[in-house]
Amino acid sequence: MLTVINSKLPMRNKAITRDFYVNHLGFQVLGNADFDGYWMVQKDTIEIHFFEFITIDSVENYAGVYILVQDFKLYIKTS
């Protein structure tokens, strides 16, 4: 039986991506190793992996993930 899926998303800039997910959305950095061009975050049962893709074209990129929450307005206020 499958129970979890973890997404792997491209990022242009590790520092900017980390700031957004950790400081604005309330995710925690997963693990204590700092890999060059790769890192992971976790919140509740959600885990997201990021890989560096500096030259990604946001117009042509189709990567994405949907994260469903129970109460979006409450989530935004508490994150």
C-alpha atoms as a PDB file:
ATOM      1  CA  MET A   1       0.000   0.000   0.000  1.00  0.00           C
ATOM      2  CA  LEU A   2       1.302   3.460  -0.903  1.00  0.00           C
ATOM      3  CA  THR A   3       1.119   6.015   1.893  1.00  0.00           C
ATOM      4  CA  VAL A   4       3.222   9.060   0.955  1.00  0.00           C
ATOM      5  CA  ILE A   5       4.581  10.886  -2.058  1.00  0.00           C
ATOM      6  CA  ASN A   6       7.345  13.469  -1.792  1.00  0.00           C
ATOM      7  CA  SER A   7       7.764  16.081  -4.473  1.00  0.00           C
ATOM      8  CA  LYS A   8      11.054  17.220  -5.972  1.00  0.00           C
ATOM      9  CA  LEU A   9      10.959  20.768  -7.313  1.00  0.00           C
ATOM     10  CA  PRO A  10      13.449  22.973  -9.167  1.00  0.00           C
ATOM     11  CA  MET A  11      14.807  26.124  -7.524  1.00  0.00           C
ATOM     12  CA  ARG A  12      16.872  28.979  -8.906  1.00  0.00           C
ATOM     13  CA  ASN A  13      18.283  30.238  -5.623  1.00  0.00           C
ATOM     14  CA  LYS A  14      18.638  28.131  -2.472  1.00  0.00           C
ATOM     15  CA  ALA A  15      18.717  31.090  -0.040  1.00  0.00           C
ATOM     16  CA  ILE A  16      15.575  32.715  -1.465  1.00  0.00           C
ATOM     17  CA  THR A  17      13.701  29.401  -1.646  1.00  0.00           C
ATOM     18  CA  ARG A  18      14.730  28.499   1.916  1.00  0.00           C
ATOM     19  CA  ASP A  19      13.628  31.900   3.220  1.00  0.00           C
ATOM     20  CA  PHE A  20      10.207  31.567   1.604  1.00  0.00           C
ATOM     21  CA  TYR A  21       9.439  28.031   2.765  1.00  0.00           C
ATOM     22  CA  VAL A  22      10.976  28.292   6.252  1.00  0.00           C
ATOM     23  CA  ASN A  23      10.287  31.899   7.261  1.00  0.00           C
ATOM     24  CA  HIS A  24       7.043  32.569   5.405  1.00  0.00           C
ATOM     25  CA  LEU A  25       5.313  29.176   5.202  1.00  0.00           C
ATOM     26  CA  GLY A  26       6.631  27.652   8.435  1.00  0.00           C
ATOM     27  CA  PHE A  27       8.375  24.565   7.037  1.00  0.00           C
ATOM     28  CA  GLN A  28      11.325  23.034   8.911  1.00  0.00           C
ATOM     29  CA  VAL A  29      14.594  22.112   7.212  1.00  0.00           C
ATOM     30  CA  LEU A  30      14.756  18.327   6.985  1.00  0.00           C
ATOM     31  CA  GLY A  31      18.048  16.755   7.975  1.00  0.00           C
ATOM     32  CA  ASN A  32      21.188  18.467   9.141  1.00  0.00           C
ATOM     33  CA  ALA A  33      23.396  18.018   6.064  1.00  0.00           C
ATOM     34  CA  ASP A  34      23.797  21.015   3.760  1.00  0.00           C
ATOM     35  CA  PHE A  35      24.146  19.606   0.265  1.00  0.00           C
ATOM     36  CA  ASP A  36      25.322  21.874  -2.511  1.00  0.00           C
ATOM     37  CA  GLY A  37      22.345  22.639  -4.757  1.00  0.00           C
ATOM     38  CA  TYR A  38      19.889  20.367  -2.910  1.00  0.00           C
ATOM     39  CA  TRP A  39      17.830  20.577   0.270  1.00  0.00           C
ATOM     40  CA  MET A  40      14.595  19.368   1.840  1.00  0.00           C
ATOM     41  CA  VAL A  41      11.812  20.768   4.023  1.00  0.00           C
ATOM     42  CA  GLN A  42       8.991  19.235   6.026  1.00  0.00           C
ATOM     43  CA  LYS A  43       5.769  20.428   7.612  1.00  0.00           C
ATOM     44  CA  ASP A  44       3.164  18.110   9.109  1.00  0.00           C
ATOM     45  CA  THR A  45       3.068  15.176   6.643  1.00  0.00           C
ATOM     46  CA  ILE A  46       4.364  17.211   3.687  1.00  0.00           C
ATOM     47  CA  GLU A  47       7.970  16.793   2.549  1.00  0.00           C
ATOM     48  CA  ILE A  48       9.432  18.743  -0.374  1.00  0.00           C
ATOM     49  CA  HIS A  49      12.843  18.239  -1.957  1.00  0.00           C
ATOM     50  CA  PHE A  50      14.471  21.005  -4.008  1.00  0.00           C
ATOM     51  CA  PHE A  51      17.226  20.747  -6.599  1.00  0.00           C
ATOM     52  CA  GLU A  52      19.162  23.646  -8.075  1.00  0.00           C
ATOM     53  CA  PHE A  53      18.200  24.648 -11.611  1.00  0.00           C
ATOM     54  CA  ILE A  54      19.621  28.147 -12.070  1.00  0.00           C
ATOM     55  CA  THR A  55      18.678  28.504 -15.738  1.00  0.00           C
ATOM     56  CA  ILE A  56      15.075  27.356 -15.400  1.00  0.00           C
ATOM     57  CA  ASP A  57      12.645  29.313 -17.557  1.00  0.00           C
ATOM     58  CA  SER A  58       9.554  30.034 -15.472  1.00  0.00           C
ATOM     59  CA  VAL A  59       7.453  30.483 -18.629  1.00  0.00           C
ATOM     60  CA  GLU A  60       8.432  27.087 -20.033  1.00  0.00           C
ATOM     61  CA  ASN A  61       8.585  25.244 -16.684  1.00  0.00           C
ATOM     62  CA  TYR A  62       5.666  22.972 -15.871  1.00  0.00           C
ATOM     63  CA  ALA A  63       6.897  21.573 -12.531  1.00  0.00           C
ATOM     64  CA  GLY A  64       4.562  22.039  -9.609  1.00  0.00           C
ATOM     65  CA  VAL A  65       2.826  20.485  -6.661  1.00  0.00           C
ATOM     66  CA  TYR A  66      -0.574  20.952  -5.045  1.00  0.00           C
ATOM     67  CA  ILE A  67      -0.651  21.045  -1.252  1.00  0.00           C
ATOM     68  CA  LEU A  68      -4.162  20.801   0.137  1.00  0.00           C
ATOM     69  CA  VAL A  69      -4.987  22.431   3.485  1.00  0.00           C
ATOM     70  CA  GLN A  70      -8.149  22.310   5.565  1.00  0.00           C
ATOM     71  CA  ASP A  71      -8.568  26.047   6.157  1.00  0.00           C
ATOM     72  CA  PHE A  72      -6.509  28.209   3.808  1.00  0.00           C
ATOM     73  CA  LYS A  73      -7.263  31.515   5.575  1.00  0.00           C
ATOM     74  CA  LEU A  74      -6.294  30.077   8.961  1.00  0.00           C
ATOM     75  CA  TYR A  75      -3.165  28.505   7.471  1.00  0.00           C
ATOM     76  CA  ILE A  76      -1.984  31.821   6.004  1.00  0.00           C
ATOM     77  CA  LYS A  77      -2.582  33.637   9.314  1.00  0.00           C
ATOM     78  CA  THR A  78      -0.605  31.085  11.363  1.00  0.00           C
ATOM     79  CA  SER A  79       2.294  30.459   8.966  1.00  0.00           C
END
